């Protein structure tokens, strides 16, 4: 019974991991295209999109999907060298996620500050 479960996990898990990684890739690509289009709008059409906030949010979301895939990979590890490599990847992605969260907070604070300035000008 236990061998059947292990075989099922080893058969199905790579597909789940691939789907999660593809989702992360698609989110990065979509966020990049959207941020570029908004950059064009800001530069040439005098729009006021908050590029840093929107792009950082997309990247953070994509990293969450990629981290989920890495966590699932730990089930398939057979050697200590694979575990060390995977641990390093998870740590790096976690650090990038933390940095993106700081970026998002800073962008939110900037947006709030600018909105307050706009409101005070209207009065």
PDB file of N, CA and C in Angstrom:
ATOM      1  N   UNK A   1       0.828  -1.202   0.000  1.00  0.00           N
ATOM      2  CA  UNK A   1       0.000   0.000   0.000  1.00  0.00           C
ATOM      3  C   UNK A   1       0.870   1.263   0.000  1.00  0.00           C
ATOM      4  N   UNK A   2       1.893   1.266   0.871  1.00  0.00           N
ATOM      5  CA  UNK A   2       2.774   2.421   0.962  1.00  0.00           C
ATOM      6  C   UNK A   2       3.545   2.628  -0.339  1.00  0.00           C
ATOM      7  N   UNK A   3       3.944   1.544  -0.979  1.00  0.00           N
ATOM      8  CA  UNK A   3       4.666   1.622  -2.248  1.00  0.00           C
ATOM      9  C   UNK A   3       3.779   2.196  -3.352  1.00  0.00           C
ATOM     10  N   UNK A   4       2.490   1.863  -3.322  1.00  0.00           N
ATOM     11  CA  UNK A   4       1.546   2.393  -4.313  1.00  0.00           C
ATOM     12  C   UNK A   4       1.411   3.905  -4.157  1.00  0.00           C
ATOM     13  N   UNK A   5       1.330   4.360  -2.916  1.00  0.00           N
ATOM     14  CA  UNK A   5       1.221   5.802  -2.657  1.00  0.00           C
ATOM     15  C   UNK A   5       2.493   6.519  -3.113  1.00  0.00           C
ATOM     16  N   UNK A   6       3.647   5.957  -2.792  1.00  0.00           N
ATOM     17  CA  UNK A   6       4.907   6.571  -3.225  1.00  0.00           C
ATOM     18  C   UNK A   6       5.000   6.647  -4.747  1.00  0.00           C
ATOM     19  N   UNK A   7       4.598   5.588  -5.429  1.00  0.00           N
ATOM     20  CA  UNK A   7       4.614   5.604  -6.897  1.00  0.00           C
ATOM     21  C   UNK A   7       3.651   6.638  -7.450  1.00  0.00           C
ATOM     22  N   UNK A   8       2.486   6.746  -6.836  1.00  0.00           N
ATOM     23  CA  UNK A   8       1.504   7.744  -7.282  1.00  0.00           C
ATOM     24  C   UNK A   8       2.051   9.152  -7.087  1.00  0.00           C
ATOM     25  N   UNK A   9       2.670   9.392  -5.941  1.00  0.00           N
ATOM     26  CA  UNK A   9       3.244  10.715  -5.672  1.00  0.00           C
ATOM     27  C   UNK A   9       4.355  11.024  -6.664  1.00  0.00           C
ATOM     28  N   UNK A  10       5.237  10.071  -6.904  1.00  0.00           N
ATOM     29  CA  UNK A  10       6.350  10.289  -7.831  1.00  0.00           C
ATOM     30  C   UNK A  10       5.890  10.452  -9.275  1.00  0.00           C
ATOM     31  N   UNK A  11       4.704   9.942  -9.574  1.00  0.00           N
ATOM     32  CA  UNK A  11       4.166  10.085 -10.927  1.00  0.00           C
ATOM     33  C   UNK A  11       3.431  11.410 -11.105  1.00  0.00           C
ATOM     34  N   UNK A  12       2.639  11.792 -10.134  1.00  0.00           N
ATOM     35  CA  UNK A  12       1.772  12.971 -10.258  1.00  0.00           C
ATOM     36  C   UNK A  12       2.486  14.267  -9.881  1.00  0.00           C
ATOM     37  N   UNK A  13       3.338  14.219  -8.878  1.00  0.00           N
ATOM     38  CA  UNK A  13       3.953  15.433  -8.353  1.00  0.00           C
ATOM     39  C   UNK A  13       4.744  16.239  -9.387  1.00  0.00           C
ATOM     40  N   UNK A  14       5.518  15.634 -10.277  1.00  0.00           N
ATOM     41  CA  UNK A  14       6.216  16.451 -11.283  1.00  0.00           C
ATOM     42  C   UNK A  14       5.266  17.287 -12.155  1.00  0.00           C
ATOM     43  N   UNK A  15       4.085  16.764 -12.447  1.00  0.00           N
ATOM     44  CA  UNK A  15       3.112  17.529 -13.232  1.00  0.00           C
ATOM     45  C   UNK A  15       2.585  18.719 -12.438  1.00  0.00           C
ATOM     46  N   UNK A  16       2.297  18.500 -11.168  1.00  0.00           N
ATOM     47  CA  UNK A  16       1.813  19.592 -10.315  1.00  0.00           C
ATOM     48  C   UNK A  16       2.887  20.668 -10.188  1.00  0.00           C
ATOM     49  N   UNK A  17       4.132  20.246  -9.985  1.00  0.00           N
ATOM     50  CA  UNK A  17       5.250  21.193  -9.878  1.00  0.00           C
ATOM     51  C   UNK A  17       5.397  21.988 -11.165  1.00  0.00           C
ATOM     52  N   UNK A  18       5.300  21.312 -12.296  1.00  0.00           N
ATOM     53  CA  UNK A  18       5.415  22.004 -13.592  1.00  0.00           C
ATOM     54  C   UNK A  18       4.308  23.030 -13.779  1.00  0.00           C
ATOM     55  N   UNK A  19       3.088  22.675 -13.393  1.00  0.00           N
ATOM     56  CA  UNK A  19       1.962  23.611 -13.523  1.00  0.00           C
ATOM     57  C   UNK A  19       2.197  24.837 -12.656  1.00  0.00           C
ATOM     58  N   UNK A  20       2.642  24.642 -11.416  1.00  0.00           N
ATOM     59  CA  UNK A  20       2.911  25.782 -10.539  1.00  0.00           C
ATOM     60  C   UNK A  20       4.011  26.673 -11.093  1.00  0.00           C
ATOM     61  N   UNK A  21       5.056  26.066 -11.641  1.00  0.00           N
ATOM     62  CA  UNK A  21       6.142  26.857 -12.210  1.00  0.00           C
ATOM     63  C   UNK A  21       5.689  27.621 -13.452  1.00  0.00           C
ATOM     64  N   UNK A  22       4.873  26.999 -14.271  1.00  0.00           N
ATOM     65  CA  UNK A  22       4.337  27.684 -15.454  1.00  0.00           C
ATOM     66  C   UNK A  22       3.449  28.846 -15.039  1.00  0.00           C
ATOM     67  N   UNK A  23       2.646  28.650 -13.993  1.00  0.00           N
ATOM     68  CA  UNK A  23       1.818  29.750 -13.487  1.00  0.00           C
ATOM     69  C   UNK A  23       2.692  30.930 -13.066  1.00  0.00           C
ATOM     70  N   UNK A  24       3.778  30.640 -12.350  1.00  0.00           N
ATOM     71  CA  UNK A  24       4.688  31.703 -11.938  1.00  0.00           C
ATOM     72  C   UNK A  24       5.294  32.423 -13.122  1.00  0.00           C
ATOM     73  N   UNK A  25       5.705  31.661 -14.133  1.00  0.00           N
ATOM     74  CA  UNK A  25       6.284  32.257 -15.339  1.00  0.00           C
ATOM     75  C   UNK A  25       5.268  33.147 -16.049  1.00  0.00           C
ATOM     76  N   UNK A  26       4.045  32.664 -16.166  1.00  0.00           N
ATOM     77  CA  UNK A  26       3.002  33.452 -16.831  1.00  0.00           C
ATOM     78  C   UNK A  26       2.696  34.735 -16.074  1.00  0.00           C
ATOM     79  N   UNK A  27       2.681  34.662 -14.752  1.00  0.00           N
ATOM     80  CA  UNK A  27       2.415  35.861 -13.954  1.00  0.00           C
ATOM     81  C   UNK A  27       3.536  36.880 -14.139  1.00  0.00           C
ATOM     82  N   UNK A  28       4.791  36.423 -14.154  1.00  0.00           N
ATOM     83  CA  UNK A  28       5.913  37.335 -14.388  1.00  0.00           C
ATOM     84  C   UNK A  28       5.792  37.976 -15.769  1.00  0.00           C
ATOM     85  N   UNK A  29       5.503  37.170 -16.773  1.00  0.00           N
ATOM     86  CA  UNK A  29       5.384  37.692 -18.141  1.00  0.00           C
ATOM     87  C   UNK A  29       4.236  38.690 -18.239  1.00  0.00           C
ATOM     88  N   UNK A  30       3.076  38.337 -17.691  1.00  0.00           N
ATOM     89  CA  UNK A  30       1.930  39.232 -17.746  1.00  0.00           C
ATOM     90  C   UNK A  30       2.216  40.529 -16.985  1.00  0.00           C
ATOM     91  N   UNK A  31       2.831  40.419 -15.817  1.00  0.00           N
ATOM     92  CA  UNK A  31       3.150  41.615 -15.033  1.00  0.00           C
ATOM     93  C   UNK A  31       4.153  42.500 -15.762  1.00  0.00           C
ATOM     94  N   UNK A  32       5.126  41.875 -16.404  1.00  0.00           N
ATOM     95  CA  UNK A  32       6.110  42.641 -17.163  1.00  0.00           C
ATOM     96  C   UNK A  32       5.496  43.384 -18.337  1.00  0.00           C
ATOM     97  N   UNK A  33       4.636  42.711 -19.071  1.00  0.00           N
ATOM     98  CA  UNK A  33       3.965  43.357 -20.209  1.00  0.00           C
ATOM     99  C   UNK A  33       3.064  44.485 -19.723  1.00  0.00           C
ATOM    100  N   UNK A  34       2.307  44.213 -18.657  1.00  0.00           N
ATOM    101  CA  UNK A  34       1.404  45.239 -18.118  1.00  0.00           C
ATOM    102  C   UNK A  34       2.191  46.443 -17.611  1.00  0.00           C
ATOM    103  N   UNK A  35       3.296  46.195 -16.908  1.00  0.00           N
ATOM    104  CA  UNK A  35       4.115  47.296 -16.404  1.00  0.00           C
ATOM    105  C   UNK A  35       4.731  48.090 -17.555  1.00  0.00           C
ATOM    106  N   UNK A  36       5.154  47.400 -18.604  1.00  0.00           N
ATOM    107  CA  UNK A  36       5.721  48.103 -19.752  1.00  0.00           C
ATOM    108  C   UNK A  36       4.672  48.974 -20.433  1.00  0.00           C
ATOM    109  N   UNK A  37       3.462  48.438 -20.589  1.00  0.00           N
ATOM    110  CA  UNK A  37       2.387  49.230 -21.213  1.00  0.00           C
ATOM    111  C   UNK A  37       2.060  50.459 -20.357  1.00  0.00           C
ATOM    112  N   UNK A  38       2.062  50.273 -19.047  1.00  0.00           N
ATOM    113  CA  UNK A  38       1.792  51.410 -18.169  1.00  0.00           C
ATOM    114  C   UNK A  38       2.948  52.402 -18.179  1.00  0.00           C
ATOM    115  N   UNK A  39       4.158  51.903 -18.326  1.00  0.00           N
ATOM    116  CA  UNK A  39       5.313  52.789 -18.463  1.00  0.00           C
ATOM    117  C   UNK A  39       5.177  53.646 -19.713  1.00  0.00           C
ATOM    118  N   UNK A  40       4.763  53.018 -20.802  1.00  0.00           N
ATOM    119  CA  UNK A  40       4.518  53.769 -22.052  1.00  0.00           C
ATOM    120  C   UNK A  40       3.451  54.834 -21.810  1.00  0.00           C
ATOM    121  N   UNK A  41       2.383  54.445 -21.110  1.00  0.00           N
ATOM    122  CA  UNK A  41       1.320  55.410 -20.802  1.00  0.00           C
ATOM    123  C   UNK A  41       1.832  56.561 -19.961  1.00  0.00           C
ATOM    124  N   UNK A  42       2.658  56.261 -18.962  1.00  0.00           N
ATOM    125  CA  UNK A  42       3.212  57.324 -18.117  1.00  0.00           C
ATOM    126  C   UNK A  42       4.146  58.234 -18.898  1.00  0.00           C
ATOM    127  N   UNK A  43       4.945  57.651 -19.758  1.00  0.00           N
ATOM    128  CA  UNK A  43       5.969  58.410 -20.461  1.00  0.00           C
ATOM    129  C   UNK A  43       5.396  59.267 -21.586  1.00  0.00           C
ATOM    130  N   UNK A  44       4.551  58.673 -22.408  1.00  0.00           N
ATOM    131  CA  UNK A  44       4.108  59.375 -23.612  1.00  0.00           C
ATOM    132  C   UNK A  44       2.711  59.978 -23.508  1.00  0.00           C
ATOM    133  N   UNK A  45       1.881  59.468 -22.630  1.00  0.00           N
ATOM    134  CA  UNK A  45       0.498  59.944 -22.564  1.00  0.00           C
ATOM    135  C   UNK A  45       0.162  60.594 -21.231  1.00  0.00           C
ATOM    136  N   UNK A  46       1.172  60.852 -20.431  1.00  0.00           N
ATOM    137  CA  UNK A  46       1.033  61.549 -19.151  1.00  0.00           C
ATOM    138  C   UNK A  46       0.012  60.897 -18.213  1.00  0.00           C
ATOM    139  N   UNK A  47      -0.037  59.578 -18.241  1.00  0.00           N
ATOM    140  CA  UNK A  47      -0.868  58.839 -17.288  1.00  0.00           C
ATOM    141  C   UNK A  47      -0.129  58.793 -15.959  1.00  0.00           C
ATOM    142  N   UNK A  48      -0.802  58.337 -14.924  1.00  0.00           N
ATOM    143  CA  UNK A  48      -0.183  58.286 -13.593  1.00  0.00           C
ATOM    144  C   UNK A  48      -0.366  56.911 -12.974  1.00  0.00           C
ATOM    145  N   UNK A  49       0.166  55.899 -13.655  1.00  0.00           N
ATOM    146  CA  UNK A  49       0.121  54.538 -13.105  1.00  0.00           C
ATOM    147  C   UNK A  49       1.238  54.376 -12.083  1.00  0.00           C
ATOM    148  N   UNK A  50       0.958  53.615 -11.049  1.00  0.00           N
ATOM    149  CA  UNK A  50       1.960  53.315 -10.031  1.00  0.00           C
ATOM    150  C   UNK A  50       2.700  52.044 -10.432  1.00  0.00           C
ATOM    151  N   UNK A  51       3.705  52.204 -11.278  1.00  0.00           N
ATOM    152  CA  UNK A  51       4.414  51.070 -11.862  1.00  0.00           C
ATOM    153  C   UNK A  51       5.107  50.195 -10.825  1.00  0.00           C
ATOM    154  N   UNK A  52       5.789  50.806  -9.888  1.00  0.00           N
ATOM    155  CA  UNK A  52       6.539  50.025  -8.910  1.00  0.00           C
ATOM    156  C   UNK A  52       5.622  49.116  -8.118  1.00  0.00           C
ATOM    157  N   UNK A  53       4.510  49.651  -7.666  1.00  0.00           N
ATOM    158  CA  UNK A  53       3.584  48.865  -6.858  1.00  0.00           C
ATOM    159  C   UNK A  53       2.996  47.713  -7.663  1.00  0.00           C
ATOM    160  N   UNK A  54       2.509  48.001  -8.861  1.00  0.00           N
ATOM    161  CA  UNK A  54       1.865  46.971  -9.666  1.00  0.00           C
ATOM    162  C   UNK A  54       2.846  45.879 -10.098  1.00  0.00           C
ATOM    163  N   UNK A  55       4.029  46.274 -10.508  1.00  0.00           N
ATOM    164  CA  UNK A  55       5.004  45.286 -10.972  1.00  0.00           C
ATOM    165  C   UNK A  55       5.536  44.459  -9.806  1.00  0.00           C
ATOM    166  N   UNK A  56       5.830  45.105  -8.687  1.00  0.00           N
ATOM    167  CA  UNK A  56       6.328  44.378  -7.517  1.00  0.00           C
ATOM    168  C   UNK A  56       5.281  43.402  -6.996  1.00  0.00           C
ATOM    169  N   UNK A  57       4.026  43.792  -7.024  1.00  0.00           N
ATOM    170  CA  UNK A  57       2.961  42.892  -6.584  1.00  0.00           C
ATOM    171  C   UNK A  57       2.883  41.662  -7.482  1.00  0.00           C
ATOM    172  N   UNK A  58       2.989  41.860  -8.781  1.00  0.00           N
ATOM    173  CA  UNK A  58       2.975  40.737  -9.715  1.00  0.00           C
ATOM    174  C   UNK A  58       4.156  39.804  -9.511  1.00  0.00           C
ATOM    175  N   UNK A  59       5.339  40.386  -9.312  1.00  0.00           N
ATOM    176  CA  UNK A  59       6.528  39.565  -9.091  1.00  0.00           C
ATOM    177  C   UNK A  59       6.434  38.786  -7.778  1.00  0.00           C
ATOM    178  N   UNK A  60       5.910  39.422  -6.742  1.00  0.00           N
ATOM    179  CA  UNK A  60       5.763  38.735  -5.454  1.00  0.00           C
ATOM    180  C   UNK A  60       4.782  37.567  -5.574  1.00  0.00           C
ATOM    181  N   UNK A  61       3.709  37.776  -6.298  1.00  0.00           N
ATOM    182  CA  UNK A  61       2.733  36.704  -6.500  1.00  0.00           C
ATOM    183  C   UNK A  61       3.355  35.547  -7.279  1.00  0.00           C
ATOM    184  N   UNK A  62       4.109  35.874  -8.313  1.00  0.00           N
ATOM    185  CA  UNK A  62       4.776  34.833  -9.105  1.00  0.00           C
ATOM    186  C   UNK A  62       5.770  34.054  -8.252  1.00  0.00           C
ATOM    187  N   UNK A  63       6.493  34.751  -7.398  1.00  0.00           N
ATOM    188  CA  UNK A  63       7.448  34.069  -6.528  1.00  0.00           C
ATOM    189  C   UNK A  63       6.756  33.116  -5.559  1.00  0.00           C
ATOM    190  N   UNK A  64       5.555  33.462  -5.140  1.00  0.00           N
ATOM    191  CA  UNK A  64       4.813  32.558  -4.253  1.00  0.00           C
ATOM    192  C   UNK A  64       4.499  31.238  -4.967  1.00  0.00           C
ATOM    193  N   UNK A  65       4.120  31.316  -6.231  1.00  0.00           N
ATOM    194  CA  UNK A  65       3.868  30.098  -7.003  1.00  0.00           C
ATOM    195  C   UNK A  65       5.152  29.285  -7.177  1.00  0.00           C
ATOM    196  N   UNK A  66       6.250  29.979  -7.472  1.00  0.00           N
ATOM    197  CA  UNK A  66       7.527  29.293  -7.649  1.00  0.00           C
ATOM    198  C   UNK A  66       7.995  28.660  -6.343  1.00  0.00           C
ATOM    199  N   UNK A  67       7.771  29.338  -5.225  1.00  0.00           N
ATOM    200  CA  UNK A  67       8.131  28.779  -3.916  1.00  0.00           C
ATOM    201  C   UNK A  67       7.307  27.533  -3.608  1.00  0.00           C
ATOM    202  N   UNK A  68       6.026  27.564  -3.960  1.00  0.00           N
ATOM    203  CA  UNK A  68       5.183  26.390  -3.741  1.00  0.00           C
ATOM    204  C   UNK A  68       5.728  25.194  -4.519  1.00  0.00           C
ATOM    205  N   UNK A  69       6.169  25.437  -5.748  1.00  0.00           N
ATOM    206  CA  UNK A  69       6.746  24.359  -6.555  1.00  0.00           C
ATOM    207  C   UNK A  69       8.023  23.830  -5.907  1.00  0.00           C
ATOM    208  N   UNK A  70       8.850  24.735  -5.384  1.00  0.00           N
ATOM    209  CA  UNK A  70      10.098  24.304  -4.740  1.00  0.00           C
ATOM    210  C   UNK A  70       9.807  23.485  -3.484  1.00  0.00           C
ATOM    211  N   UNK A  71       8.811  23.878  -2.733  1.00  0.00           N
ATOM    212  CA  UNK A  71       8.454  23.129  -1.526  1.00  0.00           C
ATOM    213  C   UNK A  71       7.991  21.719  -1.897  1.00  0.00           C
ATOM    214  N   UNK A  72       7.204  21.614  -2.948  1.00  0.00           N
ATOM    215  CA  UNK A  72       6.768  20.293  -3.379  1.00  0.00           C
ATOM    216  C   UNK A  72       7.935  19.433  -3.876  1.00  0.00           C
ATOM    217  N   UNK A  73       8.955  20.060  -4.411  1.00  0.00           N
ATOM    218  CA  UNK A  73      10.124  19.311  -4.882  1.00  0.00           C
ATOM    219  C   UNK A  73      10.835  18.602  -3.735  1.00  0.00           C
ATOM    220  N   UNK A  74      10.677  19.119  -2.524  1.00  0.00           N
ATOM    221  CA  UNK A  74      11.353  18.480  -1.390  1.00  0.00           C
ATOM    222  C   UNK A  74      10.876  17.051  -1.182  1.00  0.00           C
ATOM    223  N   UNK A  75       9.663  16.734  -1.623  1.00  0.00           N
ATOM    224  CA  UNK A  75       9.136  15.372  -1.480  1.00  0.00           C
ATOM    225  C   UNK A  75       9.907  14.398  -2.365  1.00  0.00           C
ATOM    226  N   UNK A  76      10.413  14.868  -3.483  1.00  0.00           N
ATOM    227  CA  UNK A  76      11.074  13.998  -4.464  1.00  0.00           C
ATOM    228  C   UNK A  76      12.579  13.869  -4.257  1.00  0.00           C
ATOM    229  N   UNK A  77      13.131  14.558  -3.281  1.00  0.00           N
ATOM    230  CA  UNK A  77      14.583  14.574  -3.081  1.00  0.00           C
ATOM    231  C   UNK A  77      15.076  13.217  -2.580  1.00  0.00           C
ATOM    232  N   UNK A  78      16.181  12.754  -3.164  1.00  0.00           N
ATOM    233  CA  UNK A  78      16.768  11.470  -2.795  1.00  0.00           C
ATOM    234  C   UNK A  78      18.169  11.610  -2.198  1.00  0.00           C
ATOM    235  N   UNK A  79      18.872  12.710  -2.514  1.00  0.00           N
ATOM    236  CA  UNK A  79      20.251  12.879  -2.054  1.00  0.00           C
ATOM    237  C   UNK A  79      20.419  14.189  -1.295  1.00  0.00           C
ATOM    238  N   UNK A  80      21.394  14.209  -0.410  1.00  0.00           N
ATOM    239  CA  UNK A  80      21.652  15.400   0.402  1.00  0.00           C
ATOM    240  C   UNK A  80      22.065  16.592  -0.457  1.00  0.00           C
ATOM    241  N   UNK A  81      22.814  16.354  -1.533  1.00  0.00           N
ATOM    242  CA  UNK A  81      23.242  17.465  -2.403  1.00  0.00           C
ATOM    243  C   UNK A  81      22.036  18.139  -3.050  1.00  0.00           C
ATOM    244  N   UNK A  82      21.024  17.369  -3.403  1.00  0.00           N
ATOM    245  CA  UNK A  82      19.796  17.947  -3.960  1.00  0.00           C
ATOM    246  C   UNK A  82      19.085  18.792  -2.921  1.00  0.00           C
ATOM    247  N   UNK A  83      19.075  18.323  -1.680  1.00  0.00           N
ATOM    248  CA  UNK A  83      18.426  19.067  -0.601  1.00  0.00           C
ATOM    249  C   UNK A  83      19.132  20.393  -0.342  1.00  0.00           C
ATOM    250  N   UNK A  84      20.455  20.374  -0.372  1.00  0.00           N
ATOM    251  CA  UNK A  84      21.220  21.606  -0.152  1.00  0.00           C
ATOM    252  C   UNK A  84      20.939  22.606  -1.273  1.00  0.00           C
ATOM    253  N   UNK A  85      20.941  22.135  -2.509  1.00  0.00           N
ATOM    254  CA  UNK A  85      20.662  23.017  -3.647  1.00  0.00           C
ATOM    255  C   UNK A  85      19.252  23.588  -3.554  1.00  0.00           C
ATOM    256  N   UNK A  86      18.289  22.755  -3.253  1.00  0.00           N
ATOM    257  CA  UNK A  86      16.906  23.209  -3.143  1.00  0.00           C
ATOM    258  C   UNK A  86      16.736  24.175  -1.984  1.00  0.00           C
ATOM    259  N   UNK A  87      17.413  23.910  -0.875  1.00  0.00           N
ATOM    260  CA  UNK A  87      17.360  24.826   0.268  1.00  0.00           C
ATOM    261  C   UNK A  87      17.905  26.193  -0.086  1.00  0.00           C
ATOM    262  N   UNK A  88      19.001  26.227  -0.834  1.00  0.00           N
ATOM    263  CA  UNK A  88      19.577  27.501  -1.260  1.00  0.00           C
ATOM    264  C   UNK A  88      18.611  28.260  -2.172  1.00  0.00           C
ATOM    265  N   UNK A  89      17.966  27.560  -3.076  1.00  0.00           N
ATOM    266  CA  UNK A  89      16.996  28.196  -3.977  1.00  0.00           C
ATOM    267  C   UNK A  89      15.831  28.766  -3.184  1.00  0.00           C
ATOM    268  N   UNK A  90      15.332  28.005  -2.224  1.00  0.00           N
ATOM    269  CA  UNK A  90      14.204  28.478  -1.409  1.00  0.00           C
ATOM    270  C   UNK A  90      14.607  29.711  -0.604  1.00  0.00           C
ATOM    271  N   UNK A  91      15.803  29.693  -0.027  1.00  0.00           N
ATOM    272  CA  UNK A  91      16.271  30.853   0.747  1.00  0.00           C
ATOM    273  C   UNK A  91      16.391  32.086  -0.142  1.00  0.00           C
ATOM    274  N   UNK A  92      16.969  31.931  -1.332  1.00  0.00           N
ATOM    275  CA  UNK A  92      17.102  33.073  -2.251  1.00  0.00           C
ATOM    276  C   UNK A  92      15.745  33.621  -2.669  1.00  0.00           C
ATOM    277  N   UNK A  93      14.822  32.736  -2.977  1.00  0.00           N
ATOM    278  CA  UNK A  93      13.492  33.202  -3.378  1.00  0.00           C
ATOM    279  C   UNK A  93      12.762  33.861  -2.222  1.00  0.00           C
ATOM    280  N   UNK A  94      12.956  33.349  -1.024  1.00  0.00           N
ATOM    281  CA  UNK A  94      12.336  33.973   0.152  1.00  0.00           C
ATOM    282  C   UNK A  94      12.903  35.374   0.370  1.00  0.00           C
ATOM    283  N   UNK A  95      14.217  35.534   0.206  1.00  0.00           N
ATOM    284  CA  UNK A  95      14.826  36.858   0.355  1.00  0.00           C
ATOM    285  C   UNK A  95      14.303  37.834  -0.698  1.00  0.00           C
ATOM    286  N   UNK A  96      14.194  37.373  -1.920  1.00  0.00           N
ATOM    287  CA  UNK A  96      13.644  38.238  -2.978  1.00  0.00           C
ATOM    288  C   UNK A  96      12.197  38.616  -2.655  1.00  0.00           C
ATOM    289  N   UNK A  97      11.426  37.666  -2.152  1.00  0.00           N
ATOM    290  CA  UNK A  97      10.036  37.949  -1.776  1.00  0.00           C
ATOM    291  C   UNK A  97       9.987  39.005  -0.678  1.00  0.00           C
ATOM    292  N   UNK A  98      10.857  38.889   0.309  1.00  0.00           N
ATOM    293  CA  UNK A  98      10.891  39.884   1.388  1.00  0.00           C
ATOM    294  C   UNK A  98      11.246  41.258   0.834  1.00  0.00           C
ATOM    295  N   UNK A  99      12.242  41.324  -0.051  1.00  0.00           N
ATOM    296  CA  UNK A  99      12.612  42.600  -0.660  1.00  0.00           C
ATOM    297  C   UNK A  99      11.460  43.189  -1.464  1.00  0.00           C
ATOM    298  N   UNK A 100      10.736  42.337  -2.180  1.00  0.00           N
ATOM    299  CA  UNK A 100       9.587  42.828  -2.946  1.00  0.00           C
ATOM    300  C   UNK A 100       8.495  43.344  -2.018  1.00  0.00           C
ATOM    301  N   UNK A 101       8.293  42.698  -0.888  1.00  0.00           N
ATOM    302  CA  UNK A 101       7.292  43.173   0.076  1.00  0.00           C
ATOM    303  C   UNK A 101       7.652  44.557   0.596  1.00  0.00           C
ATOM    304  N   UNK A 102       8.959  44.791   0.856  1.00  0.00           N
ATOM    305  CA  UNK A 102       9.388  46.126   1.268  1.00  0.00           C
ATOM    306  C   UNK A 102       9.127  47.142   0.154  1.00  0.00           C
ATOM    307  N   UNK A 103       9.382  46.741  -1.068  1.00  0.00           N
ATOM    308  CA  UNK A 103       9.129  47.607  -2.223  1.00  0.00           C
ATOM    309  C   UNK A 103       7.641  47.951  -2.318  1.00  0.00           C
ATOM    310  N   UNK A 104       6.796  46.952  -2.099  1.00  0.00           N
ATOM    311  CA  UNK A 104       5.349  47.170  -2.160  1.00  0.00           C
ATOM    312  C   UNK A 104       4.906  48.136  -1.065  1.00  0.00           C
ATOM    313  N   UNK A 105       5.431  47.931   0.149  1.00  0.00           N
ATOM    314  CA  UNK A 105       5.077  48.844   1.250  1.00  0.00           C
ATOM    315  C   UNK A 105       5.509  50.266   0.941  1.00  0.00           C
ATOM    316  N   UNK A 106       6.721  50.421   0.416  1.00  0.00           N
ATOM    317  CA  UNK A 106       7.213  51.749   0.060  1.00  0.00           C
ATOM    318  C   UNK A 106       6.367  52.395  -1.020  1.00  0.00           C
ATOM    319  N   UNK A 107       5.963  51.611  -1.999  1.00  0.00           N
ATOM    320  CA  UNK A 107       5.118  52.142  -3.073  1.00  0.00           C
ATOM    321  C   UNK A 107       3.744  52.538  -2.533  1.00  0.00           C
ATOM    322  N   UNK A 108       3.201  51.735  -1.613  1.00  0.00           N
ATOM    323  CA  UNK A 108       1.913  52.087  -1.003  1.00  0.00           C
ATOM    324  C   UNK A 108       2.022  53.389  -0.220  1.00  0.00           C
ATOM    325  N   UNK A 109       3.097  53.527   0.553  1.00  0.00           N
ATOM    326  CA  UNK A 109       3.287  54.744   1.338  1.00  0.00           C
ATOM    327  C   UNK A 109       3.434  55.957   0.429  1.00  0.00           C
ATOM    328  N   UNK A 110       4.162  55.801  -0.658  1.00  0.00           N
ATOM    329  CA  UNK A 110       4.334  56.896  -1.619  1.00  0.00           C
ATOM    330  C   UNK A 110       3.005  57.278  -2.244  1.00  0.00           C
ATOM    331  N   UNK A 111       2.212  56.252  -2.619  1.00  0.00           N
ATOM    332  CA  UNK A 111       0.912  56.513  -3.234  1.00  0.00           C
ATOM    333  C   UNK A 111      -0.006  57.234  -2.253  1.00  0.00           C
ATOM    334  N   UNK A 112      -0.022  56.807  -0.994  1.00  0.00           N
ATOM    335  CA  UNK A 112      -0.855  57.447   0.018  1.00  0.00           C
ATOM    336  C   UNK A 112      -0.421  58.890   0.229  1.00  0.00           C
ATOM    337  N   UNK A 113       0.880  59.124   0.285  1.00  0.00           N
ATOM    338  CA  UNK A 113       1.410  60.469   0.462  1.00  0.00           C
ATOM    339  C   UNK A 113       0.997  61.376  -0.696  1.00  0.00           C
ATOM    340  N   UNK A 114       1.125  60.872  -1.918  1.00  0.00           N
ATOM    341  CA  UNK A 114       0.756  61.675  -3.084  1.00  0.00           C
ATOM    342  C   UNK A 114      -0.748  61.947  -3.125  1.00  0.00           C
ATOM    343  N   UNK A 115      -1.558  60.986  -2.712  1.00  0.00           N
ATOM    344  CA  UNK A 115      -3.006  61.197  -2.661  1.00  0.00           C
ATOM    345  C   UNK A 115      -3.366  62.263  -1.647  1.00  0.00           C
ATOM    346  N   UNK A 116      -2.668  62.286  -0.505  1.00  0.00           N
ATOM    347  CA  UNK A 116      -2.930  63.310   0.512  1.00  0.00           C
ATOM    348  C   UNK A 116      -2.537  64.692   0.008  1.00  0.00           C
ATOM    349  N   UNK A 117      -1.444  64.748  -0.737  1.00  0.00           N
ATOM    350  CA  UNK A 117      -1.030  66.034  -1.317  1.00  0.00           C
ATOM    351  C   UNK A 117      -2.070  66.516  -2.322  1.00  0.00           C
ATOM    352  N   UNK A 118      -2.569  65.613  -3.160  1.00  0.00           N
ATOM    353  CA  UNK A 118      -3.594  65.967  -4.137  1.00  0.00           C
ATOM    354  C   UNK A 118      -4.854  66.466  -3.452  1.00  0.00           C
ATOM    355  N   UNK A 119      -5.259  65.810  -2.371  1.00  0.00           N
ATOM    356  CA  UNK A 119      -6.462  66.219  -1.629  1.00  0.00           C
ATOM    357  C   UNK A 119      -6.281  67.596  -1.004  1.00  0.00           C
ATOM    358  N   UNK A 120      -5.070  67.872  -0.477  1.00  0.00           N
ATOM    359  CA  UNK A 120      -4.833  69.160   0.139  1.00  0.00           C
ATOM    360  C   UNK A 120      -4.803  70.268  -0.912  1.00  0.00           C
ATOM    361  N   UNK A 121      -4.382  69.965  -2.134  1.00  0.00           N
ATOM    362  CA  UNK A 121      -4.378  70.961  -3.201  1.00  0.00           C
ATOM    363  C   UNK A 121      -5.795  71.292  -3.657  1.00  0.00           C
ATOM    364  N   UNK A 122      -6.675  70.290  -3.596  1.00  0.00           N
ATOM    365  CA  UNK A 122      -8.052  70.500  -4.028  1.00  0.00           C
ATOM    366  C   UNK A 122      -8.829  71.400  -3.079  1.00  0.00           C
ATOM    367  N   UNK A 123      -8.423  71.445  -1.809  1.00  0.00           N
ATOM    368  CA  UNK A 123      -9.115  72.259  -0.818  1.00  0.00           C
ATOM    369  C   UNK A 123      -8.665  73.645  -0.930  1.00  0.00           C
TER     370      UNK A 123
END
